[in-house]
Amino acid sequence: MEVWDHDGKLYEVNSYYSLPDYAWQYELVGLTGAPGTGPYISVTVPDATPEDGPFTPFPADEVTFSADGGDLPWPILRRFMDLVESSGDILQAPR
């Protein structure tokens, strides 16, 4: 877990393996304001081999993005997307 600050607003970033979903999950939650009122985004990367050892991401066309809640400043969204992309979990399908 990390906490990011932008113009006095706080955002929590989590990255973890979700057993019920057999997927790697990236989440960003706005912490400023009443609970549940801030922005929430998630990227879910399904595991191609959930029963066979280490996490193996499906290609990018199987990855999902969800968003809810309030506004999110562009620099925070860009930082979050850079984090997800730098993980190496977003793979392009072979052509």
PDB file of N, CA and C in Angstrom:
ATOM      1  N   MET A   1       0.837  -1.174   0.000  1.00  0.00           N
ATOM      2  CA  MET A   1       0.000   0.000   0.000  1.00  0.00           C
ATOM      3  C   MET A   1       0.884   1.241   0.000  1.00  0.00           C
ATOM      4  N   GLU A   2       0.484   2.204  -0.779  1.00  0.00           N
ATOM      5  CA  GLU A   2       1.135   3.511  -0.810  1.00  0.00           C
ATOM      6  C   GLU A   2       0.053   4.570  -0.631  1.00  0.00           C
ATOM      7  N   VAL A   3       0.447   5.726  -0.119  1.00  0.00           N
ATOM      8  CA  VAL A   3      -0.455   6.875  -0.058  1.00  0.00           C
ATOM      9  C   VAL A   3       0.205   8.002  -0.839  1.00  0.00           C
ATOM     10  N   TRP A   4      -0.515   8.520  -1.820  1.00  0.00           N
ATOM     11  CA  TRP A   4      -0.036   9.620  -2.641  1.00  0.00           C
ATOM     12  C   TRP A   4      -0.780  10.896  -2.244  1.00  0.00           C
ATOM     13  N   ASP A   5      -0.097  12.035  -2.409  1.00  0.00           N
ATOM     14  CA  ASP A   5      -0.670  13.341  -2.097  1.00  0.00           C
ATOM     15  C   ASP A   5      -0.649  14.190  -3.359  1.00  0.00           C
ATOM     16  N   HIS A   6      -1.749  14.868  -3.630  1.00  0.00           N
ATOM     17  CA  HIS A   6      -1.815  15.813  -4.741  1.00  0.00           C
ATOM     18  C   HIS A   6      -2.670  16.993  -4.296  1.00  0.00           C
ATOM     19  N   ASP A   7      -2.054  18.165  -4.202  1.00  0.00           N
ATOM     20  CA  ASP A   7      -2.759  19.388  -3.785  1.00  0.00           C
ATOM     21  C   ASP A   7      -3.537  19.199  -2.486  1.00  0.00           C
ATOM     22  N   GLY A   8      -2.943  18.477  -1.535  1.00  0.00           N
ATOM     23  CA  GLY A   8      -3.558  18.280  -0.234  1.00  0.00           C
ATOM     24  C   GLY A   8      -4.592  17.165  -0.171  1.00  0.00           C
ATOM     25  N   LYS A   9      -4.854  16.503  -1.285  1.00  0.00           N
ATOM     26  CA  LYS A   9      -5.788  15.372  -1.296  1.00  0.00           C
ATOM     27  C   LYS A   9      -4.983  14.076  -1.300  1.00  0.00           C
ATOM     28  N   LEU A  10      -5.461  13.086  -0.534  1.00  0.00           N
ATOM     29  CA  LEU A  10      -4.740  11.825  -0.385  1.00  0.00           C
ATOM     30  C   LEU A  10      -5.421  10.710  -1.176  1.00  0.00           C
ATOM     31  N   TYR A  11      -4.571   9.821  -1.709  1.00  0.00           N
ATOM     32  CA  TYR A  11      -5.032   8.683  -2.501  1.00  0.00           C
ATOM     33  C   TYR A  11      -4.263   7.449  -2.056  1.00  0.00           C
ATOM     34  N   GLU A  12      -4.997   6.370  -1.802  1.00  0.00           N
ATOM     35  CA  GLU A  12      -4.371   5.104  -1.404  1.00  0.00           C
ATOM     36  C   GLU A  12      -4.265   4.205  -2.636  1.00  0.00           C
ATOM     37  N   VAL A  13      -3.087   3.597  -2.807  1.00  0.00           N
ATOM     38  CA  VAL A  13      -2.840   2.711  -3.940  1.00  0.00           C
ATOM     39  C   VAL A  13      -2.497   1.330  -3.406  1.00  0.00           C
ATOM     40  N   ASN A  14      -3.215   0.322  -3.901  1.00  0.00           N
ATOM     41  CA  ASN A  14      -2.987  -1.064  -3.492  1.00  0.00           C
ATOM     42  C   ASN A  14      -2.754  -1.934  -4.712  1.00  0.00           C
ATOM     43  N   SER A  15      -1.939  -2.958  -4.531  1.00  0.00           N
ATOM     44  CA  SER A  15      -1.673  -3.951  -5.558  1.00  0.00           C
ATOM     45  C   SER A  15      -1.601  -5.298  -4.858  1.00  0.00           C
ATOM     46  N   TYR A  16      -2.441  -6.250  -5.300  1.00  0.00           N
ATOM     47  CA  TYR A  16      -2.487  -7.540  -4.606  1.00  0.00           C
ATOM     48  C   TYR A  16      -3.104  -8.602  -5.511  1.00  0.00           C
ATOM     49  N   TYR A  17      -2.862  -9.867  -5.148  1.00  0.00           N
ATOM     50  CA  TYR A  17      -3.487 -10.984  -5.857  1.00  0.00           C
ATOM     51  C   TYR A  17      -4.828 -11.272  -5.199  1.00  0.00           C
ATOM     52  N   SER A  18      -5.881 -11.279  -5.997  1.00  0.00           N
ATOM     53  CA  SER A  18      -7.233 -11.545  -5.502  1.00  0.00           C
ATOM     54  C   SER A  18      -7.582 -13.007  -5.768  1.00  0.00           C
ATOM     55  N   LEU A  19      -7.590 -13.814  -4.709  1.00  0.00           N
ATOM     56  CA  LEU A  19      -7.892 -15.243  -4.865  1.00  0.00           C
ATOM     57  C   LEU A  19      -9.282 -15.516  -5.430  1.00  0.00           C
ATOM     58  N   PRO A  20     -10.329 -14.822  -4.962  1.00  0.00           N
ATOM     59  CA  PRO A  20     -11.647 -15.141  -5.526  1.00  0.00           C
ATOM     60  C   PRO A  20     -11.723 -14.873  -7.034  1.00  0.00           C
ATOM     61  N   ASP A  21     -10.944 -13.911  -7.509  1.00  0.00           N
ATOM     62  CA  ASP A  21     -10.991 -13.526  -8.926  1.00  0.00           C
ATOM     63  C   ASP A  21      -9.897 -14.183  -9.760  1.00  0.00           C
ATOM     64  N   TYR A  22      -8.933 -14.827  -9.116  1.00  0.00           N
ATOM     65  CA  TYR A  22      -7.751 -15.355  -9.821  1.00  0.00           C
ATOM     66  C   TYR A  22      -7.180 -14.270 -10.729  1.00  0.00           C
ATOM     67  N   ALA A  23      -6.855 -13.142 -10.110  1.00  0.00           N
ATOM     68  CA  ALA A  23      -6.380 -11.992 -10.870  1.00  0.00           C
ATOM     69  C   ALA A  23      -5.514 -11.101  -9.990  1.00  0.00           C
ATOM     70  N   TRP A  24      -4.623 -10.356 -10.652  1.00  0.00           N
ATOM     71  CA  TRP A  24      -3.863  -9.322  -9.963  1.00  0.00           C
ATOM     72  C   TRP A  24      -4.696  -8.057 -10.024  1.00  0.00           C
ATOM     73  N   GLN A  25      -4.831  -7.393  -8.887  1.00  0.00           N
ATOM     74  CA  GLN A  25      -5.701  -6.229  -8.764  1.00  0.00           C
ATOM     75  C   GLN A  25      -4.866  -5.003  -8.407  1.00  0.00           C
ATOM     76  N   TYR A  26      -5.092  -3.909  -9.126  1.00  0.00           N
ATOM     77  CA  TYR A  26      -4.508  -2.604  -8.807  1.00  0.00           C
ATOM     78  C   TYR A  26      -5.670  -1.679  -8.480  1.00  0.00           C
ATOM     79  N   GLU A  27      -5.601  -0.988  -7.347  1.00  0.00           N
ATOM     80  CA  GLU A  27      -6.689  -0.103  -6.934  1.00  0.00           C
ATOM     81  C   GLU A  27      -6.148   1.247  -6.481  1.00  0.00           C
ATOM     82  N   LEU A  28      -6.913   2.290  -6.778  1.00  0.00           N
ATOM     83  CA  LEU A  28      -6.635   3.629  -6.276  1.00  0.00           C
ATOM     84  C   LEU A  28      -7.929   4.147  -5.654  1.00  0.00           C
ATOM     85  N   VAL A  29      -7.837   4.603  -4.405  1.00  0.00           N
ATOM     86  CA  VAL A  29      -9.008   5.073  -3.665  1.00  0.00           C
ATOM     87  C   VAL A  29      -8.722   6.467  -3.117  1.00  0.00           C
ATOM     88  N   GLY A  30      -9.621   7.410  -3.374  1.00  0.00           N
ATOM     89  CA  GLY A  30      -9.500   8.736  -2.780  1.00  0.00           C
ATOM     90  C   GLY A  30      -9.808   8.671  -1.294  1.00  0.00           C
ATOM     91  N   LEU A  31      -8.924   9.222  -0.466  1.00  0.00           N
ATOM     92  CA  LEU A  31      -9.090   9.169   0.988  1.00  0.00           C
ATOM     93  C   LEU A  31      -9.635  10.458   1.585  1.00  0.00           C
ATOM     94  N   THR A  32      -9.600  11.548   0.822  1.00  0.00           N
ATOM     95  CA  THR A  32     -10.032  12.843   1.333  1.00  0.00           C
ATOM     96  C   THR A  32     -11.551  12.958   1.209  1.00  0.00           C
ATOM     97  N   GLY A  33     -12.199  13.435   2.260  1.00  0.00           N
ATOM     98  CA  GLY A  33     -13.655  13.568   2.258  1.00  0.00           C
ATOM     99  C   GLY A  33     -14.307  12.391   2.954  1.00  0.00           C
ATOM    100  N   ALA A  34     -15.626  12.375   2.914  1.00  0.00           N
ATOM    101  CA  ALA A  34     -16.387  11.301   3.564  1.00  0.00           C
ATOM    102  C   ALA A  34     -16.094   9.961   2.885  1.00  0.00           C
ATOM    103  N   PRO A  35     -16.053   8.881   3.652  1.00  0.00           N
ATOM    104  CA  PRO A  35     -15.788   7.560   3.069  1.00  0.00           C
ATOM    105  C   PRO A  35     -16.769   7.235   1.936  1.00  0.00           C
ATOM    106  N   GLY A  36     -16.220   6.711   0.858  1.00  0.00           N
ATOM    107  CA  GLY A  36     -17.047   6.322  -0.278  1.00  0.00           C
ATOM    108  C   GLY A  36     -17.406   7.435  -1.235  1.00  0.00           C
ATOM    109  N   THR A  37     -16.929   8.661  -0.978  1.00  0.00           N
ATOM    110  CA  THR A  37     -17.285   9.780  -1.851  1.00  0.00           C
ATOM    111  C   THR A  37     -16.170  10.150  -2.814  1.00  0.00           C
ATOM    112  N   GLY A  38     -14.970   9.664  -2.577  1.00  0.00           N
ATOM    113  CA  GLY A  38     -13.841   9.996  -3.433  1.00  0.00           C
ATOM    114  C   GLY A  38     -13.762   9.089  -4.641  1.00  0.00           C
ATOM    115  N   PRO A  39     -12.819   9.371  -5.519  1.00  0.00           N
ATOM    116  CA  PRO A  39     -12.659   8.540  -6.702  1.00  0.00           C
ATOM    117  C   PRO A  39     -12.169   7.138  -6.343  1.00  0.00           C
ATOM    118  N   TYR A  40     -12.545   6.185  -7.171  1.00  0.00           N
ATOM    119  CA  TYR A  40     -12.091   4.805  -7.032  1.00  0.00           C
ATOM    120  C   TYR A  40     -11.848   4.273  -8.435  1.00  0.00           C
ATOM    121  N   ILE A  41     -10.657   3.745  -8.683  1.00  0.00           N
ATOM    122  CA  ILE A  41     -10.389   3.079  -9.951  1.00  0.00           C
ATOM    123  C   ILE A  41      -9.680   1.763  -9.674  1.00  0.00           C
ATOM    124  N   SER A  42      -9.911   0.816 -10.562  1.00  0.00           N
ATOM    125  CA  SER A  42      -9.232  -0.470 -10.428  1.00  0.00           C
ATOM    126  C   SER A  42      -8.895  -1.024 -11.802  1.00  0.00           C
ATOM    127  N   VAL A  43      -7.804  -1.757 -11.843  1.00  0.00           N
ATOM    128  CA  VAL A  43      -7.389  -2.502 -13.023  1.00  0.00           C
ATOM    129  C   VAL A  43      -7.250  -3.947 -12.576  1.00  0.00           C
ATOM    130  N   THR A  44      -7.915  -4.850 -13.291  1.00  0.00           N
ATOM    131  CA  THR A  44      -7.885  -6.266 -12.954  1.00  0.00           C
ATOM    132  C   THR A  44      -7.227  -7.033 -14.087  1.00  0.00           C
ATOM    133  N   VAL A  45      -6.147  -7.747 -13.751  1.00  0.00           N
ATOM    134  CA  VAL A  45      -5.394  -8.533 -14.729  1.00  0.00           C
ATOM    135  C   VAL A  45      -5.619 -10.010 -14.410  1.00  0.00           C
ATOM    136  N   PRO A  46      -6.409 -10.727 -15.237  1.00  0.00           N
ATOM    137  CA  PRO A  46      -6.683 -12.133 -14.947  1.00  0.00           C
ATOM    138  C   PRO A  46      -5.424 -13.003 -15.042  1.00  0.00           C
ATOM    139  N   ASP A  47      -5.403 -14.046 -14.232  1.00  0.00           N
ATOM    140  CA  ASP A  47      -4.289 -14.996 -14.194  1.00  0.00           C
ATOM    141  C   ASP A  47      -4.560 -16.121 -15.190  1.00  0.00           C
ATOM    142  N   ALA A  48      -3.655 -16.309 -16.150  1.00  0.00           N
ATOM    143  CA  ALA A  48      -3.813 -17.357 -17.160  1.00  0.00           C
ATOM    144  C   ALA A  48      -3.537 -18.745 -16.596  1.00  0.00           C
ATOM    145  N   THR A  49      -2.831 -18.825 -15.469  1.00  0.00           N
ATOM    146  CA  THR A  49      -2.462 -20.128 -14.893  1.00  0.00           C
ATOM    147  C   THR A  49      -2.725 -20.146 -13.391  1.00  0.00           C
ATOM    148  N   PRO A  50      -3.967 -19.957 -12.955  1.00  0.00           N
ATOM    149  CA  PRO A  50      -4.226 -19.836 -11.516  1.00  0.00           C
ATOM    150  C   PRO A  50      -3.890 -21.087 -10.709  1.00  0.00           C
ATOM    151  N   GLU A  51      -3.905 -22.239 -11.327  1.00  0.00           N
ATOM    152  CA  GLU A  51      -3.624 -23.487 -10.609  1.00  0.00           C
ATOM    153  C   GLU A  51      -2.201 -23.979 -10.833  1.00  0.00           C
ATOM    154  N   ASP A  52      -1.418 -23.241 -11.620  1.00  0.00           N
ATOM    155  CA  ASP A  52      -0.126 -23.749 -12.085  1.00  0.00           C
ATOM    156  C   ASP A  52       1.084 -22.922 -11.683  1.00  0.00           C
ATOM    157  N   GLY A  53       1.184 -22.460 -10.480  1.00  0.00           N
ATOM    158  CA  GLY A  53       2.397 -21.767 -10.067  1.00  0.00           C
ATOM    159  C   GLY A  53       2.275 -20.268 -10.105  1.00  0.00           C
ATOM    160  N   PRO A  54       3.352 -19.571 -10.512  1.00  0.00           N
ATOM    161  CA  PRO A  54       3.377 -18.110 -10.415  1.00  0.00           C
ATOM    162  C   PRO A  54       2.352 -17.444 -11.343  1.00  0.00           C
ATOM    163  N   PHE A  55       2.020 -16.221 -10.985  1.00  0.00           N
ATOM    164  CA  PHE A  55       1.068 -15.421 -11.758  1.00  0.00           C
ATOM    165  C   PHE A  55       1.547 -15.265 -13.193  1.00  0.00           C
ATOM    166  N   THR A  56       0.648 -15.551 -14.129  1.00  0.00           N
ATOM    167  CA  THR A  56       0.902 -15.367 -15.558  1.00  0.00           C
ATOM    168  C   THR A  56      -0.245 -14.535 -16.113  1.00  0.00           C
ATOM    169  N   PRO A  57       0.015 -13.284 -16.499  1.00  0.00           N
ATOM    170  CA  PRO A  57      -1.083 -12.426 -16.941  1.00  0.00           C
ATOM    171  C   PRO A  57      -1.641 -12.842 -18.300  1.00  0.00           C
ATOM    172  N   PHE A  58      -2.967 -12.710 -18.435  1.00  0.00           N
ATOM    173  CA  PHE A  58      -3.596 -12.823 -19.744  1.00  0.00           C
ATOM    174  C   PHE A  58      -3.184 -11.604 -20.569  1.00  0.00           C
ATOM    175  N   PRO A  59      -3.307 -11.654 -21.905  1.00  0.00           N
ATOM    176  CA  PRO A  59      -3.019 -10.475 -22.728  1.00  0.00           C
ATOM    177  C   PRO A  59      -3.933  -9.298 -22.369  1.00  0.00           C
ATOM    178  N   ALA A  60      -3.530  -8.115 -22.805  1.00  0.00           N
ATOM    179  CA  ALA A  60      -4.208  -6.861 -22.450  1.00  0.00           C
ATOM    180  C   ALA A  60      -5.690  -6.847 -22.807  1.00  0.00           C
ATOM    181  N   ASP A  61      -6.104  -7.580 -23.839  1.00  0.00           N
ATOM    182  CA  ASP A  61      -7.519  -7.537 -24.211  1.00  0.00           C
ATOM    183  C   ASP A  61      -8.419  -8.227 -23.186  1.00  0.00           C
ATOM    184  N   GLU A  62      -7.843  -8.907 -22.192  1.00  0.00           N
ATOM    185  CA  GLU A  62      -8.606  -9.523 -21.107  1.00  0.00           C
ATOM    186  C   GLU A  62      -8.584  -8.679 -19.821  1.00  0.00           C
ATOM    187  N   VAL A  63      -7.784  -7.626 -19.802  1.00  0.00           N
ATOM    188  CA  VAL A  63      -7.653  -6.749 -18.630  1.00  0.00           C
ATOM    189  C   VAL A  63      -8.866  -5.823 -18.572  1.00  0.00           C
ATOM    190  N   THR A  64      -9.382  -5.577 -17.358  1.00  0.00           N
ATOM    191  CA  THR A  64     -10.526  -4.674 -17.217  1.00  0.00           C
ATOM    192  C   THR A  64     -10.157  -3.458 -16.365  1.00  0.00           C
ATOM    193  N   PHE A  65     -10.828  -2.358 -16.643  1.00  0.00           N
ATOM    194  CA  PHE A  65     -10.657  -1.094 -15.927  1.00  0.00           C
ATOM    195  C   PHE A  65     -12.025  -0.668 -15.420  1.00  0.00           C
ATOM    196  N   SER A  66     -12.108  -0.283 -14.153  1.00  0.00           N
ATOM    197  CA  SER A  66     -13.359   0.199 -13.565  1.00  0.00           C
ATOM    198  C   SER A  66     -13.100   1.525 -12.866  1.00  0.00           C
ATOM    199  N   ALA A  67     -14.100   2.395 -12.892  1.00  0.00           N
ATOM    200  CA  ALA A  67     -13.976   3.694 -12.224  1.00  0.00           C
ATOM    201  C   ALA A  67     -15.315   4.076 -11.605  1.00  0.00           C
ATOM    202  N   ASP A  68     -15.234   4.807 -10.492  1.00  0.00           N
ATOM    203  CA  ASP A  68     -16.437   5.250  -9.798  1.00  0.00           C
ATOM    204  C   ASP A  68     -16.069   6.454  -8.933  1.00  0.00           C
ATOM    205  N   GLY A  69     -17.067   7.158  -8.472  1.00  0.00           N
ATOM    206  CA  GLY A  69     -16.836   8.226  -7.505  1.00  0.00           C
ATOM    207  C   GLY A  69     -16.517   9.559  -8.129  1.00  0.00           C
ATOM    208  N   GLY A  70     -15.753  10.352  -7.376  1.00  0.00           N
ATOM    209  CA  GLY A  70     -15.470  11.733  -7.739  1.00  0.00           C
ATOM    210  C   GLY A  70     -14.399  11.907  -8.792  1.00  0.00           C
ATOM    211  N   ASP A  71     -14.018  13.157  -8.981  1.00  0.00           N
ATOM    212  CA  ASP A  71     -13.008  13.523  -9.969  1.00  0.00           C
ATOM    213  C   ASP A  71     -11.623  13.089  -9.512  1.00  0.00           C
ATOM    214  N   LEU A  72     -10.791  12.768 -10.495  1.00  0.00           N
ATOM    215  CA  LEU A  72      -9.417  12.349 -10.238  1.00  0.00           C
ATOM    216  C   LEU A  72      -8.486  13.246 -11.040  1.00  0.00           C
ATOM    217  N   PRO A  73      -7.537  13.922 -10.391  1.00  0.00           N
ATOM    218  CA  PRO A  73      -6.615  14.782 -11.130  1.00  0.00           C
ATOM    219  C   PRO A  73      -5.786  13.968 -12.130  1.00  0.00           C
ATOM    220  N   TRP A  74      -5.564  14.561 -13.292  1.00  0.00           N
ATOM    221  CA  TRP A  74      -4.799  13.893 -14.340  1.00  0.00           C
ATOM    222  C   TRP A  74      -3.443  13.387 -13.846  1.00  0.00           C
ATOM    223  N   PRO A  75      -2.654  14.159 -13.098  1.00  0.00           N
ATOM    224  CA  PRO A  75      -1.348  13.646 -12.657  1.00  0.00           C
ATOM    225  C   PRO A  75      -1.454  12.368 -11.814  1.00  0.00           C
ATOM    226  N   ILE A  76      -2.514  12.224 -11.033  1.00  0.00           N
ATOM    227  CA  ILE A  76      -2.694  11.012 -10.226  1.00  0.00           C
ATOM    228  C   ILE A  76      -3.084   9.840 -11.129  1.00  0.00           C
ATOM    229  N   LEU A  77      -3.981  10.069 -12.086  1.00  0.00           N
ATOM    230  CA  LEU A  77      -4.342   9.006 -13.027  1.00  0.00           C
ATOM    231  C   LEU A  77      -3.119   8.556 -13.816  1.00  0.00           C
ATOM    232  N   ARG A  78      -2.339   9.518 -14.298  1.00  0.00           N
ATOM    233  CA  ARG A  78      -1.142   9.182 -15.088  1.00  0.00           C
ATOM    234  C   ARG A  78      -0.153   8.383 -14.238  1.00  0.00           C
ATOM    235  N   ARG A  79       0.043   8.791 -12.996  1.00  0.00           N
ATOM    236  CA  ARG A  79       0.962   8.073 -12.101  1.00  0.00           C
ATOM    237  C   ARG A  79       0.471   6.640 -11.853  1.00  0.00           C
ATOM    238  N   PHE A  80      -0.840   6.484 -11.665  1.00  0.00           N
ATOM    239  CA  PHE A  80      -1.419   5.158 -11.456  1.00  0.00           C
ATOM    240  C   PHE A  80      -1.215   4.282 -12.694  1.00  0.00           C
ATOM    241  N   MET A  81      -1.506   4.831 -13.871  1.00  0.00           N
ATOM    242  CA  MET A  81      -1.335   4.055 -15.102  1.00  0.00           C
ATOM    243  C   MET A  81       0.133   3.707 -15.331  1.00  0.00           C
ATOM    244  N   ASP A  82       1.043   4.625 -15.017  1.00  0.00           N
ATOM    245  CA  ASP A  82       2.476   4.321 -15.119  1.00  0.00           C
ATOM    246  C   ASP A  82       2.854   3.174 -14.193  1.00  0.00           C
ATOM    247  N   LEU A  83       2.295   3.162 -12.983  1.00  0.00           N
ATOM    248  CA  LEU A  83       2.560   2.083 -12.033  1.00  0.00           C
ATOM    249  C   LEU A  83       2.100   0.742 -12.602  1.00  0.00           C
ATOM    250  N   VAL A  84       0.880   0.709 -13.138  1.00  0.00           N
ATOM    251  CA  VAL A  84       0.345  -0.533 -13.697  1.00  0.00           C
ATOM    252  C   VAL A  84       1.181  -0.980 -14.896  1.00  0.00           C
ATOM    253  N   GLU A  85       1.494  -0.057 -15.797  1.00  0.00           N
ATOM    254  CA  GLU A  85       2.275  -0.411 -16.983  1.00  0.00           C
ATOM    255  C   GLU A  85       3.678  -0.877 -16.625  1.00  0.00           C
ATOM    256  N   SER A  86       4.293  -0.274 -15.623  1.00  0.00           N
ATOM    257  CA  SER A  86       5.664  -0.650 -15.246  1.00  0.00           C
ATOM    258  C   SER A  86       5.725  -2.000 -14.541  1.00  0.00           C
ATOM    259  N   SER A  87       4.571  -2.525 -14.118  1.00  0.00           N
ATOM    260  CA  SER A  87       4.546  -3.826 -13.443  1.00  0.00           C
ATOM    261  C   SER A  87       4.904  -4.966 -14.385  1.00  0.00           C
ATOM    262  N   GLY A  88       4.727  -4.749 -15.679  1.00  0.00           N
ATOM    263  CA  GLY A  88       4.959  -5.811 -16.651  1.00  0.00           C
ATOM    264  C   GLY A  88       3.768  -6.740 -16.804  1.00  0.00           C
ATOM    265  N   ASP A  89       2.648  -6.426 -16.150  1.00  0.00           N
ATOM    266  CA  ASP A  89       1.468  -7.292 -16.201  1.00  0.00           C
ATOM    267  C   ASP A  89       0.564  -7.026 -17.406  1.00  0.00           C
ATOM    268  N   ILE A  90       0.783  -5.941 -18.123  1.00  0.00           N
ATOM    269  CA  ILE A  90      -0.038  -5.631 -19.290  1.00  0.00           C
ATOM    270  C   ILE A  90       0.721  -6.114 -20.525  1.00  0.00           C
ATOM    271  N   LEU A  91       0.259  -7.234 -21.074  1.00  0.00           N
ATOM    272  CA  LEU A  91       0.936  -7.868 -22.206  1.00  0.00           C
ATOM    273  C   LEU A  91       0.101  -7.724 -23.468  1.00  0.00           C
ATOM    274  N   GLN A  92       0.778  -7.452 -24.567  1.00  0.00           N
ATOM    275  CA  GLN A  92       0.093  -7.413 -25.850  1.00  0.00           C
ATOM    276  C   GLN A  92      -0.016  -8.832 -26.391  1.00  0.00           C
ATOM    277  N   ALA A  93      -1.152  -9.155 -26.986  1.00  0.00           N
ATOM    278  CA  ALA A  93      -1.356 -10.489 -27.559  1.00  0.00           C
ATOM    279  C   ALA A  93      -0.456 -10.656 -28.780  1.00  0.00           C
ATOM    280  N   PRO A  94       0.098 -11.855 -28.976  1.00  0.00           N
ATOM    281  CA  PRO A  94       0.909 -12.083 -30.179  1.00  0.00           C
ATOM    282  C   PRO A  94       0.050 -11.932 -31.428  1.00  0.00           C
ATOM    283  N   ARG A  95       0.652 -11.427 -32.464  1.00  0.00           N
ATOM    284  CA  ARG A  95      -0.092 -11.227 -33.733  1.00  0.00           C
ATOM    285  C   ARG A  95       0.279 -12.277 -34.726  1.00  0.00           C
TER     286      ARG A  95
END
